Amino acid sequence: MKNWLPLVLGLLALVVGAVWTFQGLGVLEGSVMTGQKLWAVVGPVVAVLGLVLIGYGLRARSKRG
């Protein structure tokens, strides 16, 4: 049952990281984060962390089966 947790957290981190990246780059507007270089750096870091969590979750699920 707990094998789904890294997948869900990883997917959430991937989406949030992508949104933060696009806001930091000025692609998505309407936020105080729009055009801020900090979010253009933090976003990809969070997205990569999400990919790592997704990979870990998939690996744990394949070992289980």
N, C-alpha and C. Protein backbone atom coordinates (compact mmCIF):
# COMPACT_ATOMS: atom_id res chain seq x y z
N MET A 1 0.82 -1.19 0.00
CA MET A 1 0.00 0.00 0.00
C MET A 1 0.87 1.26 0.00
N LYS A 2 1.98 1.24 0.69
CA LYS A 2 2.80 2.43 0.77
C LYS A 2 3.64 2.65 -0.49
N ASN A 3 3.63 1.72 -1.42
CA ASN A 3 4.40 1.88 -2.65
C ASN A 3 3.85 2.96 -3.56
N TRP A 4 2.62 3.35 -3.40
CA TRP A 4 2.03 4.40 -4.23
C TRP A 4 2.44 5.79 -3.75
N LEU A 5 2.87 5.92 -2.52
CA LEU A 5 3.20 7.23 -1.97
C LEU A 5 4.33 7.92 -2.73
N PRO A 6 5.46 7.26 -3.02
CA PRO A 6 6.50 7.95 -3.80
C PRO A 6 6.02 8.34 -5.20
N LEU A 7 5.15 7.53 -5.78
CA LEU A 7 4.63 7.87 -7.11
C LEU A 7 3.78 9.13 -7.07
N VAL A 8 2.91 9.22 -6.08
CA VAL A 8 2.03 10.38 -5.97
C VAL A 8 2.84 11.63 -5.63
N LEU A 9 3.75 11.52 -4.67
CA LEU A 9 4.59 12.66 -4.30
C LEU A 9 5.50 13.08 -5.45
N GLY A 10 6.01 12.11 -6.18
CA GLY A 10 6.86 12.41 -7.32
C GLY A 10 6.10 13.11 -8.43
N LEU A 11 4.90 12.65 -8.70
CA LEU A 11 4.09 13.30 -9.73
C LEU A 11 3.73 14.72 -9.31
N LEU A 12 3.38 14.90 -8.05
CA LEU A 12 3.06 16.22 -7.54
C LEU A 12 4.27 17.15 -7.63
N ALA A 13 5.44 16.66 -7.24
CA ALA A 13 6.66 17.47 -7.31
C ALA A 13 7.01 17.80 -8.75
N LEU A 14 6.79 16.88 -9.65
CA LEU A 14 7.07 17.12 -11.07
C LEU A 14 6.18 18.24 -11.62
N VAL A 15 4.90 18.18 -11.31
CA VAL A 15 3.97 19.20 -11.80
C VAL A 15 4.27 20.56 -11.17
N VAL A 16 4.47 20.58 -9.85
CA VAL A 16 4.76 21.84 -9.16
C VAL A 16 6.08 22.43 -9.67
N GLY A 17 7.08 21.59 -9.85
CA GLY A 17 8.36 22.06 -10.37
C GLY A 17 8.24 22.65 -11.77
N ALA A 18 7.43 22.02 -12.60
CA ALA A 18 7.22 22.55 -13.96
C ALA A 18 6.50 23.90 -13.91
N VAL A 19 5.49 24.01 -13.07
CA VAL A 19 4.76 25.28 -12.95
C VAL A 19 5.69 26.37 -12.45
N TRP A 20 6.48 26.06 -11.42
CA TRP A 20 7.41 27.05 -10.88
C TRP A 20 8.43 27.48 -11.93
N THR A 21 8.91 26.52 -12.71
CA THR A 21 9.87 26.84 -13.76
C THR A 21 9.26 27.80 -14.78
N PHE A 22 8.07 27.48 -15.26
CA PHE A 22 7.42 28.32 -16.25
C PHE A 22 7.06 29.69 -15.70
N GLN A 23 6.71 29.76 -14.42
CA GLN A 23 6.45 31.06 -13.81
C GLN A 23 7.75 31.86 -13.70
N GLY A 24 8.81 31.20 -13.30
CA GLY A 24 10.09 31.89 -13.18
C GLY A 24 10.62 32.40 -14.50
N LEU A 25 10.33 31.67 -15.57
CA LEU A 25 10.76 32.08 -16.91
C LEU A 25 9.82 33.11 -17.53
N GLY A 26 8.69 33.35 -16.88
CA GLY A 26 7.74 34.34 -17.39
C GLY A 26 6.76 33.78 -18.40
N VAL A 27 6.73 32.46 -18.58
CA VAL A 27 5.80 31.85 -19.53
C VAL A 27 4.38 31.87 -18.96
N LEU A 28 4.24 31.51 -17.69
CA LEU A 28 2.96 31.59 -16.99
C LEU A 28 2.93 32.90 -16.21
N GLU A 29 1.93 33.69 -16.47
CA GLU A 29 1.84 34.98 -15.81
C GLU A 29 0.73 34.99 -14.77
N GLY A 30 0.67 36.06 -13.99
CA GLY A 30 -0.41 36.23 -13.03
C GLY A 30 -0.04 35.84 -11.62
N SER A 31 1.24 35.83 -11.32
CA SER A 31 1.69 35.45 -9.99
C SER A 31 2.86 36.36 -9.60
N VAL A 32 3.08 36.46 -8.30
CA VAL A 32 4.24 37.23 -7.84
C VAL A 32 5.54 36.52 -8.20
N MET A 33 5.46 35.23 -8.56
CA MET A 33 6.65 34.47 -8.93
C MET A 33 7.01 34.66 -10.40
N THR A 34 6.14 35.29 -11.17
CA THR A 34 6.38 35.48 -12.61
C THR A 34 7.61 36.34 -12.84
N GLY A 35 8.53 35.82 -13.61
CA GLY A 35 9.73 36.56 -13.97
C GLY A 35 10.82 36.56 -12.91
N GLN A 36 10.64 35.84 -11.83
CA GLN A 36 11.64 35.78 -10.76
C GLN A 36 12.62 34.64 -11.06
N LYS A 37 13.89 34.97 -11.14
CA LYS A 37 14.92 33.98 -11.50
C LYS A 37 15.02 32.85 -10.47
N LEU A 38 14.71 33.14 -9.23
CA LEU A 38 14.77 32.11 -8.19
C LEU A 38 13.91 30.91 -8.55
N TRP A 39 12.70 31.16 -9.04
CA TRP A 39 11.78 30.07 -9.35
C TRP A 39 12.18 29.35 -10.63
N ALA A 40 12.93 30.03 -11.50
CA ALA A 40 13.45 29.37 -12.70
C ALA A 40 14.56 28.39 -12.34
N VAL A 41 15.14 28.53 -11.15
CA VAL A 41 16.17 27.60 -10.68
C VAL A 41 15.57 26.54 -9.76
N VAL A 42 14.71 26.96 -8.85
CA VAL A 42 14.11 26.02 -7.88
C VAL A 42 13.18 25.04 -8.58
N GLY A 43 12.44 25.51 -9.58
CA GLY A 43 11.49 24.65 -10.29
C GLY A 43 12.10 23.39 -10.88
N PRO A 44 13.17 23.50 -11.67
CA PRO A 44 13.77 22.28 -12.23
C PRO A 44 14.34 21.35 -11.15
N VAL A 45 14.84 21.91 -10.06
CA VAL A 45 15.36 21.07 -8.98
C VAL A 45 14.22 20.23 -8.39
N VAL A 46 13.08 20.86 -8.16
CA VAL A 46 11.92 20.15 -7.62
C VAL A 46 11.41 19.12 -8.63
N ALA A 47 11.41 19.48 -9.91
CA ALA A 47 10.96 18.56 -10.95
C ALA A 47 11.85 17.33 -11.03
N VAL A 48 13.15 17.53 -10.94
CA VAL A 48 14.08 16.39 -10.97
C VAL A 48 13.88 15.51 -9.74
N LEU A 49 13.67 16.12 -8.60
CA LEU A 49 13.36 15.35 -7.39
C LEU A 49 12.10 14.52 -7.60
N GLY A 50 11.12 15.10 -8.27
CA GLY A 50 9.90 14.36 -8.58
C GLY A 50 10.17 13.16 -9.47
N LEU A 51 11.04 13.35 -10.47
CA LEU A 51 11.40 12.22 -11.34
C LEU A 51 12.11 11.12 -10.58
N VAL A 52 12.97 11.51 -9.65
CA VAL A 52 13.66 10.52 -8.81
C VAL A 52 12.66 9.74 -7.98
N LEU A 53 11.71 10.43 -7.38
CA LEU A 53 10.68 9.75 -6.57
C LEU A 53 9.82 8.82 -7.43
N ILE A 54 9.47 9.26 -8.62
CA ILE A 54 8.69 8.40 -9.51
C ILE A 54 9.49 7.15 -9.88
N GLY A 55 10.77 7.33 -10.20
CA GLY A 55 11.62 6.18 -10.51
C GLY A 55 11.73 5.22 -9.34
N TYR A 56 11.90 5.77 -8.14
CA TYR A 56 11.97 4.94 -6.95
C TYR A 56 10.66 4.17 -6.74
N GLY A 57 9.55 4.87 -6.91
CA GLY A 57 8.25 4.22 -6.73
C GLY A 57 8.00 3.12 -7.74
N LEU A 58 8.38 3.36 -8.99
CA LEU A 58 8.20 2.33 -10.02
C LEU A 58 9.11 1.14 -9.76
N ARG A 59 10.30 1.41 -9.31
CA ARG A 59 11.24 0.33 -9.02
C ARG A 59 10.75 -0.53 -7.85
N ALA A 60 10.22 0.14 -6.82
CA ALA A 60 9.70 -0.59 -5.66
C ALA A 60 8.49 -1.44 -6.05
N ARG A 61 7.67 -0.93 -6.96
CA ARG A 61 6.50 -1.69 -7.41
C ARG A 61 6.92 -2.89 -8.23
N SER A 62 7.94 -2.75 -9.06
CA SER A 62 8.37 -3.88 -9.90
C SER A 62 9.04 -4.97 -9.05
N LYS A 63 9.72 -4.59 -7.99
CA LYS A 63 10.32 -5.60 -7.11
C LYS A 63 9.25 -6.37 -6.35
N ARG A 64 8.18 -5.69 -6.06
CA ARG A 64 7.09 -6.30 -5.29
C ARG A 64 6.39 -7.39 -6.09
N GLY A 65 6.22 -7.14 -7.39
CA GLY A 65 5.47 -8.07 -8.23
C GLY A 65 6.32 -9.13 -8.76
